[in-house]
N, C-alpha and C. Protein backbone atom coordinates (compact mmCIF):
# COMPACT_ATOMS: atom_id res chain seq x y z
N MET A 1 -1.73 47.27 14.01
CA MET A 1 -3.06 47.65 14.39
C MET A 1 -3.01 48.49 15.66
N LYS A 2 -3.98 49.35 15.79
CA LYS A 2 -4.02 50.17 16.98
C LYS A 2 -4.51 49.33 18.16
N SER A 3 -4.02 49.67 19.32
CA SER A 3 -4.39 48.93 20.52
C SER A 3 -5.54 49.65 21.21
N ARG A 4 -6.57 48.90 21.56
CA ARG A 4 -7.71 49.46 22.27
C ARG A 4 -7.99 48.59 23.48
N LEU A 5 -8.53 49.19 24.50
CA LEU A 5 -8.92 48.44 25.68
C LEU A 5 -10.39 48.70 25.93
N PHE A 6 -11.18 47.64 25.88
CA PHE A 6 -12.59 47.76 26.21
C PHE A 6 -12.72 47.53 27.71
N SER A 7 -13.19 48.54 28.44
CA SER A 7 -13.31 48.37 29.88
C SER A 7 -14.44 47.40 30.21
N PHE A 8 -15.52 47.46 29.47
CA PHE A 8 -16.61 46.52 29.65
C PHE A 8 -17.51 46.56 28.43
N LEU A 9 -18.19 45.46 28.19
CA LEU A 9 -19.14 45.36 27.10
C LEU A 9 -20.51 45.10 27.70
N ILE A 10 -21.49 45.79 27.19
CA ILE A 10 -22.84 45.70 27.73
C ILE A 10 -23.76 45.07 26.68
N SER A 11 -24.61 44.14 27.12
CA SER A 11 -25.60 43.56 26.22
C SER A 11 -26.43 44.67 25.61
N GLY A 12 -26.63 44.57 24.30
CA GLY A 12 -27.40 45.58 23.60
C GLY A 12 -26.55 46.65 22.93
N ASP A 13 -25.25 46.71 23.25
CA ASP A 13 -24.36 47.67 22.59
C ASP A 13 -24.17 47.25 21.14
N TYR A 14 -23.87 48.22 20.28
CA TYR A 14 -23.67 47.97 18.85
C TYR A 14 -22.22 48.22 18.48
N TYR A 15 -21.73 47.38 17.58
CA TYR A 15 -20.37 47.49 17.05
C TYR A 15 -20.41 47.18 15.56
N SER A 16 -19.38 47.57 14.85
CA SER A 16 -19.26 47.17 13.44
C SER A 16 -18.04 46.27 13.32
N ASP A 17 -18.13 45.30 12.42
CA ASP A 17 -17.02 44.38 12.23
C ASP A 17 -16.12 44.88 11.11
N LEU A 18 -15.15 44.07 10.72
CA LEU A 18 -14.20 44.47 9.67
C LEU A 18 -14.87 44.79 8.34
N HIS A 19 -16.03 44.20 8.09
CA HIS A 19 -16.74 44.41 6.83
C HIS A 19 -17.73 45.57 6.91
N GLY A 20 -17.78 46.24 8.05
CA GLY A 20 -18.69 47.36 8.22
C GLY A 20 -20.11 46.95 8.58
N GLU A 21 -20.32 45.67 8.85
CA GLU A 21 -21.65 45.17 9.21
C GLU A 21 -21.94 45.50 10.67
N PRO A 22 -23.14 45.96 10.97
CA PRO A 22 -23.48 46.22 12.37
C PRO A 22 -23.71 44.91 13.12
N CYS A 23 -23.25 44.88 14.37
CA CYS A 23 -23.40 43.71 15.23
C CYS A 23 -23.93 44.19 16.58
N LYS A 24 -24.77 43.38 17.20
CA LYS A 24 -25.33 43.72 18.50
C LYS A 24 -24.82 42.70 19.53
N ILE A 25 -24.29 43.20 20.64
CA ILE A 25 -23.77 42.34 21.69
C ILE A 25 -24.93 41.64 22.39
N ILE A 26 -24.84 40.32 22.51
CA ILE A 26 -25.82 39.55 23.27
C ILE A 26 -25.32 39.43 24.71
N ARG A 27 -24.06 38.97 24.85
CA ARG A 27 -23.46 38.89 26.17
C ARG A 27 -21.95 38.76 26.03
N ALA A 28 -21.27 39.14 27.09
CA ALA A 28 -19.81 39.01 27.15
C ALA A 28 -19.47 38.19 28.39
N ILE A 29 -18.79 37.08 28.18
CA ILE A 29 -18.43 36.20 29.28
C ILE A 29 -16.92 36.01 29.27
N HIS A 30 -16.25 36.53 30.26
CA HIS A 30 -14.81 36.41 30.44
C HIS A 30 -14.06 36.73 29.15
N GLU A 31 -13.66 35.76 28.39
CA GLU A 31 -12.88 35.98 27.17
C GLU A 31 -13.67 35.71 25.89
N VAL A 32 -15.00 35.60 25.97
CA VAL A 32 -15.81 35.28 24.81
C VAL A 32 -16.95 36.31 24.68
N ILE A 33 -17.14 36.80 23.46
CA ILE A 33 -18.20 37.75 23.17
C ILE A 33 -19.22 37.07 22.27
N HIS A 34 -20.49 37.11 22.65
CA HIS A 34 -21.57 36.58 21.83
C HIS A 34 -22.29 37.78 21.22
N TYR A 35 -22.51 37.73 19.90
CA TYR A 35 -23.14 38.86 19.22
C TYR A 35 -24.00 38.36 18.07
N ILE A 36 -24.88 39.24 17.59
CA ILE A 36 -25.74 38.94 16.45
C ILE A 36 -25.25 39.75 15.26
N ARG A 37 -25.05 39.07 14.14
CA ARG A 37 -24.65 39.72 12.89
C ARG A 37 -25.49 39.12 11.77
N ASN A 38 -26.19 39.96 11.04
CA ASN A 38 -27.05 39.50 9.94
C ASN A 38 -28.05 38.44 10.40
N GLY A 39 -28.58 38.59 11.60
CA GLY A 39 -29.56 37.65 12.12
C GLY A 39 -28.99 36.34 12.62
N ARG A 40 -27.69 36.22 12.64
CA ARG A 40 -27.04 34.99 13.10
C ARG A 40 -26.29 35.23 14.40
N ASN A 41 -26.34 34.26 15.29
CA ASN A 41 -25.56 34.34 16.52
C ASN A 41 -24.12 33.97 16.21
N CYS A 42 -23.19 34.78 16.69
CA CYS A 42 -21.77 34.57 16.43
C CYS A 42 -21.00 34.69 17.74
N ILE A 43 -19.78 34.18 17.73
CA ILE A 43 -18.92 34.22 18.91
C ILE A 43 -17.54 34.70 18.47
N ALA A 44 -16.92 35.53 19.30
CA ALA A 44 -15.55 35.99 19.04
C ALA A 44 -14.78 36.01 20.35
N SER A 45 -13.49 35.76 20.27
CA SER A 45 -12.65 35.89 21.45
C SER A 45 -12.51 37.38 21.77
N MET A 46 -12.19 37.68 23.01
CA MET A 46 -12.01 39.07 23.42
C MET A 46 -10.89 39.72 22.60
N GLY A 47 -9.80 39.00 22.35
CA GLY A 47 -8.69 39.55 21.57
C GLY A 47 -9.11 39.90 20.16
N ARG A 48 -9.81 38.99 19.50
CA ARG A 48 -10.30 39.25 18.14
C ARG A 48 -11.28 40.41 18.15
N PHE A 49 -12.18 40.42 19.12
CA PHE A 49 -13.17 41.48 19.20
C PHE A 49 -12.50 42.84 19.35
N GLN A 50 -11.49 42.92 20.21
CA GLN A 50 -10.79 44.19 20.43
C GLN A 50 -10.09 44.68 19.18
N GLN A 51 -9.61 43.79 18.34
CA GLN A 51 -8.88 44.19 17.14
C GLN A 51 -9.78 44.47 15.95
N GLU A 52 -10.91 43.78 15.84
CA GLU A 52 -11.71 43.83 14.61
C GLU A 52 -13.01 44.61 14.70
N PHE A 53 -13.43 45.04 15.88
CA PHE A 53 -14.73 45.68 16.02
C PHE A 53 -14.59 47.12 16.52
N GLU A 54 -15.50 47.97 16.03
CA GLU A 54 -15.53 49.38 16.43
C GLU A 54 -16.90 49.69 17.02
N PRO A 55 -16.96 50.48 18.08
CA PRO A 55 -18.26 50.81 18.68
C PRO A 55 -19.12 51.69 17.79
N LEU A 56 -20.43 51.50 17.87
CA LEU A 56 -21.41 52.29 17.13
C LEU A 56 -22.53 52.71 18.07
N THR A 57 -23.22 53.77 17.71
CA THR A 57 -24.45 54.10 18.42
C THR A 57 -25.57 53.30 17.76
N LYS A 58 -26.70 53.22 18.42
CA LYS A 58 -27.83 52.49 17.85
C LYS A 58 -28.25 53.13 16.53
N ALA A 59 -28.26 54.46 16.47
CA ALA A 59 -28.65 55.17 15.25
C ALA A 59 -27.70 54.85 14.10
N GLN A 60 -26.40 54.79 14.38
CA GLN A 60 -25.42 54.45 13.35
C GLN A 60 -25.65 53.02 12.86
N ALA A 61 -25.88 52.10 13.77
CA ALA A 61 -26.10 50.71 13.40
C ALA A 61 -27.35 50.58 12.53
N GLU A 62 -28.42 51.28 12.88
CA GLU A 62 -29.65 51.23 12.09
C GLU A 62 -29.44 51.80 10.70
N ARG A 63 -28.69 52.90 10.62
CA ARG A 63 -28.43 53.53 9.32
C ARG A 63 -27.61 52.60 8.42
N ILE A 64 -26.59 51.97 8.97
CA ILE A 64 -25.77 51.04 8.20
C ILE A 64 -26.62 49.88 7.70
N ALA A 65 -27.47 49.33 8.58
CA ALA A 65 -28.33 48.22 8.18
C ALA A 65 -29.28 48.63 7.05
N GLU A 66 -29.82 49.84 7.12
CA GLU A 66 -30.70 50.34 6.06
C GLU A 66 -29.95 50.49 4.75
N GLU A 67 -28.72 51.01 4.81
CA GLU A 67 -27.92 51.18 3.59
C GLU A 67 -27.58 49.84 2.96
N ILE A 68 -27.27 48.84 3.77
CA ILE A 68 -26.98 47.51 3.26
C ILE A 68 -28.23 46.92 2.61
N GLU A 69 -29.37 47.08 3.26
CA GLU A 69 -30.63 46.56 2.71
C GLU A 69 -30.97 47.23 1.38
N THR A 70 -30.76 48.53 1.29
CA THR A 70 -31.02 49.26 0.05
C THR A 70 -30.09 48.77 -1.06
N ALA A 71 -28.81 48.59 -0.74
CA ALA A 71 -27.85 48.11 -1.74
C ALA A 71 -28.24 46.72 -2.25
N GLU A 72 -28.67 45.84 -1.34
CA GLU A 72 -29.08 44.50 -1.75
C GLU A 72 -30.33 44.55 -2.63
N HIS A 73 -31.26 45.44 -2.30
CA HIS A 73 -32.48 45.59 -3.08
C HIS A 73 -32.16 46.08 -4.50
N LEU A 74 -31.27 47.07 -4.59
CA LEU A 74 -30.87 47.59 -5.89
C LEU A 74 -30.18 46.51 -6.72
N LYS A 75 -29.35 45.70 -6.08
CA LYS A 75 -28.67 44.62 -6.77
C LYS A 75 -29.69 43.63 -7.34
N CYS A 76 -30.71 43.31 -6.56
CA CYS A 76 -31.76 42.41 -7.01
C CYS A 76 -32.54 43.00 -8.18
N LEU A 77 -32.87 44.29 -8.11
CA LEU A 77 -33.59 44.94 -9.19
C LEU A 77 -32.78 44.96 -10.49
N ARG A 78 -31.49 45.21 -10.37
CA ARG A 78 -30.62 45.21 -11.54
C ARG A 78 -30.55 43.83 -12.18
N ALA A 79 -30.49 42.79 -11.33
CA ALA A 79 -30.46 41.42 -11.85
C ALA A 79 -31.76 41.08 -12.55
N MET A 80 -32.89 41.55 -12.03
CA MET A 80 -34.18 41.30 -12.66
C MET A 80 -34.26 42.01 -14.01
N ARG A 81 -33.74 43.22 -14.06
CA ARG A 81 -33.77 44.00 -15.31
C ARG A 81 -32.87 43.36 -16.37
N ALA A 82 -31.75 42.81 -15.94
CA ALA A 82 -30.80 42.20 -16.87
C ALA A 82 -31.32 40.87 -17.42
N ALA A 83 -32.21 40.23 -16.70
CA ALA A 83 -32.70 38.92 -17.13
C ALA A 83 -33.72 39.00 -18.23
């Protein structure tokens, strides 16, 4: 894996995880990062965060969230049609 160094993390910054899901930083305390993913509060170690997360702009995070929502809606519609 590539090595990255995060100089600092700011509350409100957006990142994507290994699955491409947008995450919003709540707070960073020493070696622990608190973030929101899919409406759930999550925690990651600094090492895991550095290896598995990529920075996003707010616009990128919103676009990804919209695309995921659209995909889920289409999946639901297809299931309704198949029933």
